[in-house]
């Protein structure tokens, strides 16, 4: 998809379509990592995955399952939270 670079203060930016953000579970304020791929002359923007720390007595497999559930159903959970 084609986009134009625009001025944002003293910086420059590109708008990202909402459907792309939703597909990646990103929103305003989400952290992303920007890299320059000089070999292929491209800019790469990737979501930053937050590392979570858990107490020693927490079952990491269970935490993983809960996180997968949250990622899969995040849009529905956000709608429920609004009510």
PDB file of N, CA and C in Angstrom:
ATOM      1  N   UNK A   1       0.840  -1.159   0.000  1.00  0.00           N
ATOM      2  CA  UNK A   1       0.000   0.000   0.000  1.00  0.00           C
ATOM      3  C   UNK A   1       0.892   1.230   0.000  1.00  0.00           C
ATOM      4  N   UNK A   2       0.513   2.190  -0.755  1.00  0.00           N
ATOM      5  CA  UNK A   2       1.310   3.394  -0.956  1.00  0.00           C
ATOM      6  C   UNK A   2       0.902   4.470   0.044  1.00  0.00           C
ATOM      7  N   UNK A   3       1.870   5.118   0.680  1.00  0.00           N
ATOM      8  CA  UNK A   3       1.626   6.196   1.633  1.00  0.00           C
ATOM      9  C   UNK A   3       2.613   7.325   1.345  1.00  0.00           C
ATOM     10  N   UNK A   4       2.309   8.529   1.814  1.00  0.00           N
ATOM     11  CA  UNK A   4       3.206   9.666   1.658  1.00  0.00           C
ATOM     12  C   UNK A   4       3.826  10.022   3.000  1.00  0.00           C
ATOM     13  N   UNK A   5       5.064  10.491   2.949  1.00  0.00           N
ATOM     14  CA  UNK A   5       5.733  10.975   4.146  1.00  0.00           C
ATOM     15  C   UNK A   5       5.202  12.378   4.424  1.00  0.00           C
ATOM     16  N   UNK A   6       4.888  12.644   5.704  1.00  0.00           N
ATOM     17  CA  UNK A   6       4.360  13.956   6.084  1.00  0.00           C
ATOM     18  C   UNK A   6       5.213  14.543   7.205  1.00  0.00           C
ATOM     19  N   UNK A   7       5.115  15.861   7.388  1.00  0.00           N
ATOM     20  CA  UNK A   7       5.841  16.543   8.451  1.00  0.00           C
ATOM     21  C   UNK A   7       5.077  16.395   9.766  1.00  0.00           C
ATOM     22  N   UNK A   8       5.806  16.070  10.830  1.00  0.00           N
ATOM     23  CA  UNK A   8       5.252  15.992  12.175  1.00  0.00           C
ATOM     24  C   UNK A   8       6.233  16.758  13.061  1.00  0.00           C
ATOM     25  N   UNK A   9       5.975  18.042  13.258  1.00  0.00           N
ATOM     26  CA  UNK A   9       6.921  18.885  13.985  1.00  0.00           C
ATOM     27  C   UNK A   9       8.227  18.960  13.201  1.00  0.00           C
ATOM     28  N   UNK A  10       9.349  18.692  13.876  1.00  0.00           N
ATOM     29  CA  UNK A  10      10.656  18.691  13.209  1.00  0.00           C
ATOM     30  C   UNK A  10      10.999  17.319  12.635  1.00  0.00           C
ATOM     31  N   UNK A  11      10.100  16.361  12.788  1.00  0.00           N
ATOM     32  CA  UNK A  11      10.318  15.004  12.286  1.00  0.00           C
ATOM     33  C   UNK A  11       9.471  14.758  11.053  1.00  0.00           C
ATOM     34  N   UNK A  12       9.535  13.567  10.540  1.00  0.00           N
ATOM     35  CA  UNK A  12       8.709  13.131   9.417  1.00  0.00           C
ATOM     36  C   UNK A  12       8.063  11.815   9.807  1.00  0.00           C
ATOM     37  N   UNK A  13       6.886  11.542   9.230  1.00  0.00           N
ATOM     38  CA  UNK A  13       6.184  10.313   9.582  1.00  0.00           C
ATOM     39  C   UNK A  13       5.339   9.797   8.446  1.00  0.00           C
ATOM     40  N   UNK A  14       4.812   8.606   8.656  1.00  0.00           N
ATOM     41  CA  UNK A  14       3.922   7.942   7.708  1.00  0.00           C
ATOM     42  C   UNK A  14       2.737   7.421   8.501  1.00  0.00           C
ATOM     43  N   UNK A  15       1.521   7.675   8.026  1.00  0.00           N
ATOM     44  CA  UNK A  15       0.353   7.141   8.733  1.00  0.00           C
ATOM     45  C   UNK A  15       0.232   5.650   8.466  1.00  0.00           C
ATOM     46  N   UNK A  16      -0.253   4.937   9.466  1.00  0.00           N
ATOM     47  CA  UNK A  16      -0.442   3.489   9.347  1.00  0.00           C
ATOM     48  C   UNK A  16      -1.940   3.218   9.423  1.00  0.00           C
ATOM     49  N   UNK A  17      -2.497   2.534   8.433  1.00  0.00           N
ATOM     50  CA  UNK A  17      -3.938   2.265   8.422  1.00  0.00           C
ATOM     51  C   UNK A  17      -4.388   1.497   9.670  1.00  0.00           C
ATOM     52  N   UNK A  18      -5.579   1.817  10.142  1.00  0.00           N
ATOM     53  CA  UNK A  18      -6.130   1.209  11.352  1.00  0.00           C
ATOM     54  C   UNK A  18      -6.209  -0.313  11.226  1.00  0.00           C
ATOM     55  N   UNK A  19      -6.573  -0.829  10.061  1.00  0.00           N
ATOM     56  CA  UNK A  19      -6.696  -2.286   9.924  1.00  0.00           C
ATOM     57  C   UNK A  19      -5.346  -2.980  10.106  1.00  0.00           C
ATOM     58  N   UNK A  20      -4.259  -2.331   9.698  1.00  0.00           N
ATOM     59  CA  UNK A  20      -2.923  -2.899   9.896  1.00  0.00           C
ATOM     60  C   UNK A  20      -2.588  -2.884  11.389  1.00  0.00           C
ATOM     61  N   UNK A  21      -2.877  -1.764  12.063  1.00  0.00           N
ATOM     62  CA  UNK A  21      -2.621  -1.676  13.499  1.00  0.00           C
ATOM     63  C   UNK A  21      -3.412  -2.730  14.266  1.00  0.00           C
ATOM     64  N   UNK A  22      -4.681  -2.893  13.903  1.00  0.00           N
ATOM     65  CA  UNK A  22      -5.528  -3.883  14.587  1.00  0.00           C
ATOM     66  C   UNK A  22      -5.002  -5.293  14.374  1.00  0.00           C
ATOM     67  N   UNK A  23      -4.542  -5.590  13.179  1.00  0.00           N
ATOM     68  CA  UNK A  23      -4.009  -6.927  12.878  1.00  0.00           C
ATOM     69  C   UNK A  23      -2.805  -7.254  13.770  1.00  0.00           C
ATOM     70  N   UNK A  24      -2.023  -6.209  14.107  1.00  0.00           N
ATOM     71  CA  UNK A  24      -0.829  -6.390  14.931  1.00  0.00           C
ATOM     72  C   UNK A  24      -1.084  -6.076  16.404  1.00  0.00           C
ATOM     73  N   UNK A  25      -2.348  -5.842  16.768  1.00  0.00           N
ATOM     74  CA  UNK A  25      -2.717  -5.485  18.142  1.00  0.00           C
ATOM     75  C   UNK A  25      -1.953  -4.258  18.635  1.00  0.00           C
ATOM     76  N   UNK A  26      -1.851  -3.238  17.766  1.00  0.00           N
ATOM     77  CA  UNK A  26      -1.196  -1.983  18.106  1.00  0.00           C
ATOM     78  C   UNK A  26      -2.224  -0.869  18.184  1.00  0.00           C
ATOM     79  N   UNK A  27      -1.910   0.138  18.975  1.00  0.00           N
ATOM     80  CA  UNK A  27      -2.794   1.297  19.121  1.00  0.00           C
ATOM     81  C   UNK A  27      -1.922   2.516  19.379  1.00  0.00           C
ATOM     82  N   UNK A  28      -2.544   3.686  19.450  1.00  0.00           N
ATOM     83  CA  UNK A  28      -1.807   4.900  19.782  1.00  0.00           C
ATOM     84  C   UNK A  28      -1.100   4.675  21.111  1.00  0.00           C
ATOM     85  N   UNK A  29       0.185   4.938  21.154  1.00  0.00           N
ATOM     86  CA  UNK A  29       0.973   4.750  22.369  1.00  0.00           C
ATOM     87  C   UNK A  29       1.728   3.432  22.424  1.00  0.00           C
ATOM     88  N   UNK A  30       1.447   2.512  21.479  1.00  0.00           N
ATOM     89  CA  UNK A  30       2.171   1.236  21.453  1.00  0.00           C
ATOM     90  C   UNK A  30       3.636   1.479  21.100  1.00  0.00           C
ATOM     91  N   UNK A  31       4.515   0.688  21.688  1.00  0.00           N
ATOM     92  CA  UNK A  31       5.944   0.786  21.377  1.00  0.00           C
ATOM     93  C   UNK A  31       6.268  -0.028  20.132  1.00  0.00           C
ATOM     94  N   UNK A  32       7.061   0.577  19.239  1.00  0.00           N
ATOM     95  CA  UNK A  32       7.537  -0.113  18.045  1.00  0.00           C
ATOM     96  C   UNK A  32       9.037   0.099  17.928  1.00  0.00           C
ATOM     97  N   UNK A  33       9.693  -0.798  17.230  1.00  0.00           N
ATOM     98  CA  UNK A  33      11.118  -0.713  16.970  1.00  0.00           C
ATOM     99  C   UNK A  33      11.293  -0.381  15.498  1.00  0.00           C
ATOM    100  N   UNK A  34      12.096   0.635  15.191  1.00  0.00           N
ATOM    101  CA  UNK A  34      12.330   1.041  13.808  1.00  0.00           C
ATOM    102  C   UNK A  34      13.771   0.725  13.459  1.00  0.00           C
ATOM    103  N   UNK A  35      13.962  -0.018  12.379  1.00  0.00           N
ATOM    104  CA  UNK A  35      15.300  -0.407  11.929  1.00  0.00           C
ATOM    105  C   UNK A  35      15.483  -0.017  10.469  1.00  0.00           C
ATOM    106  N   UNK A  36      16.704   0.308  10.105  1.00  0.00           N
ATOM    107  CA  UNK A  36      17.044   0.577   8.721  1.00  0.00           C
ATOM    108  C   UNK A  36      17.711  -0.671   8.157  1.00  0.00           C
ATOM    109  N   UNK A  37      17.097  -1.251   7.142  1.00  0.00           N
ATOM    110  CA  UNK A  37      17.668  -2.402   6.448  1.00  0.00           C
ATOM    111  C   UNK A  37      18.411  -1.852   5.225  1.00  0.00           C
ATOM    112  N   UNK A  38      19.695  -1.519   5.434  1.00  0.00           N
ATOM    113  CA  UNK A  38      20.484  -0.894   4.370  1.00  0.00           C
ATOM    114  C   UNK A  38      20.668  -1.824   3.177  1.00  0.00           C
ATOM    115  N   UNK A  39      20.786  -3.105   3.435  1.00  0.00           N
ATOM    116  CA  UNK A  39      21.006  -4.074   2.356  1.00  0.00           C
ATOM    117  C   UNK A  39      19.874  -4.036   1.337  1.00  0.00           C
ATOM    118  N   UNK A  40      18.627  -3.890   1.809  1.00  0.00           N
ATOM    119  CA  UNK A  40      17.463  -3.889   0.925  1.00  0.00           C
ATOM    120  C   UNK A  40      16.836  -2.497   0.771  1.00  0.00           C
ATOM    121  N   UNK A  41      17.515  -1.461   1.304  1.00  0.00           N
ATOM    122  CA  UNK A  41      17.047  -0.063   1.222  1.00  0.00           C
ATOM    123  C   UNK A  41      15.600   0.073   1.682  1.00  0.00           C
ATOM    124  N   UNK A  42      15.342  -0.380   2.935  1.00  0.00           N
ATOM    125  CA  UNK A  42      13.983  -0.291   3.456  1.00  0.00           C
ATOM    126  C   UNK A  42      13.989   0.011   4.950  1.00  0.00           C
ATOM    127  N   UNK A  43      12.863   0.509   5.391  1.00  0.00           N
ATOM    128  CA  UNK A  43      12.637   0.792   6.808  1.00  0.00           C
ATOM    129  C   UNK A  43      11.734  -0.318   7.345  1.00  0.00           C
ATOM    130  N   UNK A  44      12.103  -0.894   8.478  1.00  0.00           N
ATOM    131  CA  UNK A  44      11.324  -1.978   9.075  1.00  0.00           C
ATOM    132  C   UNK A  44      10.783  -1.489  10.420  1.00  0.00           C
ATOM    133  N   UNK A  45       9.468  -1.586  10.590  1.00  0.00           N
ATOM    134  CA  UNK A  45       8.818  -1.203  11.851  1.00  0.00           C
ATOM    135  C   UNK A  45       8.203  -2.467  12.441  1.00  0.00           C
ATOM    136  N   UNK A  46       8.613  -2.801  13.675  1.00  0.00           N
ATOM    137  CA  UNK A  46       8.117  -4.017  14.328  1.00  0.00           C
ATOM    138  C   UNK A  46       7.574  -3.693  15.714  1.00  0.00           C
ATOM    139  N   UNK A  47       6.492  -4.380  16.119  1.00  0.00           N
ATOM    140  CA  UNK A  47       5.982  -4.188  17.485  1.00  0.00           C
ATOM    141  C   UNK A  47       7.028  -4.635  18.503  1.00  0.00           C
ATOM    142  N   UNK A  48       7.100  -3.935  19.616  1.00  0.00           N
ATOM    143  CA  UNK A  48       7.987  -4.321  20.712  1.00  0.00           C
ATOM    144  C   UNK A  48       7.201  -5.244  21.626  1.00  0.00           C
ATOM    145  N   UNK A  49       7.715  -6.439  21.813  1.00  0.00           N
ATOM    146  CA  UNK A  49       7.088  -7.397  22.726  1.00  0.00           C
ATOM    147  C   UNK A  49       7.632  -7.142  24.120  1.00  0.00           C
ATOM    148  N   UNK A  50       6.734  -6.877  25.044  1.00  0.00           N
ATOM    149  CA  UNK A  50       7.146  -6.609  26.416  1.00  0.00           C
ATOM    150  C   UNK A  50       7.456  -7.915  27.126  1.00  0.00           C
ATOM    151  N   UNK A  51       8.591  -7.938  27.817  1.00  0.00           N
ATOM    152  CA  UNK A  51       8.937  -9.102  28.626  1.00  0.00           C
ATOM    153  C   UNK A  51       8.228  -8.969  29.958  1.00  0.00           C
ATOM    154  N   UNK A  52       7.557 -10.015  30.359  1.00  0.00           N
ATOM    155  CA  UNK A  52       6.805  -9.983  31.610  1.00  0.00           C
ATOM    156  C   UNK A  52       7.526 -10.787  32.673  1.00  0.00           C
ATOM    157  N   UNK A  53       7.535 -10.236  33.856  1.00  0.00           N
ATOM    158  CA  UNK A  53       8.153 -10.930  34.991  1.00  0.00           C
ATOM    159  C   UNK A  53       7.054 -11.492  35.873  1.00  0.00           C
ATOM    160  N   UNK A  54       7.245 -12.725  36.319  1.00  0.00           N
ATOM    161  CA  UNK A  54       6.249 -13.396  37.139  1.00  0.00           C
ATOM    162  C   UNK A  54       6.896 -13.894  38.423  1.00  0.00           C
ATOM    163  N   UNK A  55       6.108 -13.962  39.479  1.00  0.00           N
ATOM    164  CA  UNK A  55       6.626 -14.544  40.718  1.00  0.00           C
ATOM    165  C   UNK A  55       7.042 -16.004  40.493  1.00  0.00           C
ATOM    166  N   UNK A  56       7.934 -16.499  41.329  1.00  0.00           N
ATOM    167  CA  UNK A  56       8.464 -17.859  41.187  1.00  0.00           C
ATOM    168  C   UNK A  56       7.392 -18.934  41.231  1.00  0.00           C
ATOM    169  N   UNK A  57       6.333 -18.724  42.022  1.00  0.00           N
ATOM    170  CA  UNK A  57       5.328 -19.771  42.213  1.00  0.00           C
ATOM    171  C   UNK A  57       4.252 -19.785  41.131  1.00  0.00           C
ATOM    172  N   UNK A  58       4.374 -18.960  40.092  1.00  0.00           N
ATOM    173  CA  UNK A  58       3.385 -18.926  39.017  1.00  0.00           C
ATOM    174  C   UNK A  58       3.765 -19.946  37.947  1.00  0.00           C
ATOM    175  N   UNK A  59       2.784 -20.732  37.504  1.00  0.00           N
ATOM    176  CA  UNK A  59       2.994 -21.737  36.458  1.00  0.00           C
ATOM    177  C   UNK A  59       3.154 -21.021  35.116  1.00  0.00           C
ATOM    178  N   UNK A  60       4.341 -21.059  34.557  1.00  0.00           N
ATOM    179  CA  UNK A  60       4.634 -20.337  33.315  1.00  0.00           C
ATOM    180  C   UNK A  60       3.820 -20.847  32.124  1.00  0.00           C
ATOM    181  N   UNK A  61       3.489 -22.117  32.105  1.00  0.00           N
ATOM    182  CA  UNK A  61       2.653 -22.663  31.031  1.00  0.00           C
ATOM    183  C   UNK A  61       1.249 -22.050  31.091  1.00  0.00           C
ATOM    184  N   UNK A  62       0.711 -21.939  32.305  1.00  0.00           N
ATOM    185  CA  UNK A  62      -0.601 -21.318  32.481  1.00  0.00           C
ATOM    186  C   UNK A  62      -0.562 -19.861  32.044  1.00  0.00           C
ATOM    187  N   UNK A  63       0.476 -19.137  32.442  1.00  0.00           N
ATOM    188  CA  UNK A  63       0.626 -17.733  32.058  1.00  0.00           C
ATOM    189  C   UNK A  63       0.680 -17.613  30.543  1.00  0.00           C
ATOM    190  N   UNK A  64       1.390 -18.512  29.903  1.00  0.00           N
ATOM    191  CA  UNK A  64       1.490 -18.507  28.447  1.00  0.00           C
ATOM    192  C   UNK A  64       0.117 -18.717  27.808  1.00  0.00           C
ATOM    193  N   UNK A  65      -0.658 -19.639  28.339  1.00  0.00           N
ATOM    194  CA  UNK A  65      -2.006 -19.894  27.817  1.00  0.00           C
ATOM    195  C   UNK A  65      -2.913 -18.684  28.008  1.00  0.00           C
ATOM    196  N   UNK A  66      -2.818 -18.041  29.151  1.00  0.00           N
ATOM    197  CA  UNK A  66      -3.625 -16.839  29.411  1.00  0.00           C
ATOM    198  C   UNK A  66      -3.220 -15.730  28.441  1.00  0.00           C
ATOM    199  N   UNK A  67      -1.932 -15.537  28.237  1.00  0.00           N
ATOM    200  CA  UNK A  67      -1.467 -14.501  27.312  1.00  0.00           C
ATOM    201  C   UNK A  67      -1.942 -14.768  25.879  1.00  0.00           C
ATOM    202  N   UNK A  68      -1.916 -16.015  25.456  1.00  0.00           N
ATOM    203  CA  UNK A  68      -2.409 -16.370  24.117  1.00  0.00           C
ATOM    204  C   UNK A  68      -3.904 -16.068  24.005  1.00  0.00           C
ATOM    205  N   UNK A  69      -4.656 -16.380  25.056  1.00  0.00           N
ATOM    206  CA  UNK A  69      -6.097 -16.092  25.076  1.00  0.00           C
ATOM    207  C   UNK A  69      -6.335 -14.588  24.957  1.00  0.00           C
ATOM    208  N   UNK A  70      -5.592 -13.809  25.736  1.00  0.00           N
ATOM    209  CA  UNK A  70      -5.753 -12.350  25.709  1.00  0.00           C
ATOM    210  C   UNK A  70      -5.414 -11.795  24.333  1.00  0.00           C
ATOM    211  N   UNK A  71      -4.315 -12.256  23.742  1.00  0.00           N
ATOM    212  CA  UNK A  71      -3.940 -11.782  22.406  1.00  0.00           C
ATOM    213  C   UNK A  71      -5.005 -12.132  21.371  1.00  0.00           C
ATOM    214  N   UNK A  72      -5.532 -13.341  21.444  1.00  0.00           N
ATOM    215  CA  UNK A  72      -6.519 -13.791  20.468  1.00  0.00           C
ATOM    216  C   UNK A  72      -7.832 -13.024  20.589  1.00  0.00           C
ATOM    217  N   UNK A  73      -8.264 -12.757  21.820  1.00  0.00           N
ATOM    218  CA  UNK A  73      -9.569 -12.140  22.046  1.00  0.00           C
ATOM    219  C   UNK A  73      -9.477 -10.683  22.523  1.00  0.00           C
ATOM    220  N   UNK A  74      -8.330 -10.043  22.323  1.00  0.00           N
ATOM    221  CA  UNK A  74      -8.145  -8.680  22.825  1.00  0.00           C
ATOM    222  C   UNK A  74      -9.213  -7.694  22.350  1.00  0.00           C
ATOM    223  N   UNK A  75      -9.588  -7.671  21.058  1.00  0.00           N
ATOM    224  CA  UNK A  75     -10.631  -6.727  20.643  1.00  0.00           C
ATOM    225  C   UNK A  75     -11.949  -6.940  21.391  1.00  0.00           C
ATOM    226  N   UNK A  76     -12.361  -8.181  21.558  1.00  0.00           N
ATOM    227  CA  UNK A  76     -13.609  -8.473  22.272  1.00  0.00           C
ATOM    228  C   UNK A  76     -13.485  -8.100  23.743  1.00  0.00           C
ATOM    229  N   UNK A  77     -12.354  -8.380  24.359  1.00  0.00           N
ATOM    230  CA  UNK A  77     -12.154  -8.040  25.761  1.00  0.00           C
ATOM    231  C   UNK A  77     -12.176  -6.521  25.970  1.00  0.00           C
ATOM    232  N   UNK A  78     -11.622  -5.765  25.015  1.00  0.00           N
ATOM    233  CA  UNK A  78     -11.649  -4.293  25.104  1.00  0.00           C
ATOM    234  C   UNK A  78     -13.083  -3.782  25.006  1.00  0.00           C
ATOM    235  N   UNK A  79     -13.878  -4.392  24.148  1.00  0.00           N
ATOM    236  CA  UNK A  79     -15.288  -3.978  24.023  1.00  0.00           C
ATOM    237  C   UNK A  79     -16.054  -4.270  25.313  1.00  0.00           C
ATOM    238  N   UNK A  80     -15.796  -5.419  25.910  1.00  0.00           N
ATOM    239  CA  UNK A  80     -16.456  -5.782  27.166  1.00  0.00           C
ATOM    240  C   UNK A  80     -16.044  -4.804  28.262  1.00  0.00           C
ATOM    241  N   UNK A  81     -14.770  -4.415  28.276  1.00  0.00           N
ATOM    242  CA  UNK A  81     -14.268  -3.499  29.308  1.00  0.00           C
ATOM    243  C   UNK A  81     -14.923  -2.121  29.216  1.00  0.00           C
ATOM    244  N   UNK A  82     -15.354  -1.731  28.029  1.00  0.00           N
ATOM    245  CA  UNK A  82     -15.995  -0.416  27.847  1.00  0.00           C
ATOM    246  C   UNK A  82     -17.376  -0.365  28.491  1.00  0.00           C
ATOM    247  N   UNK A  83     -18.006  -1.526  28.673  1.00  0.00           N
ATOM    248  CA  UNK A  83     -19.382  -1.578  29.175  1.00  0.00           C
ATOM    249  C   UNK A  83     -19.435  -1.541  30.679  1.00  0.00           C
TER     250      UNK A  83
END
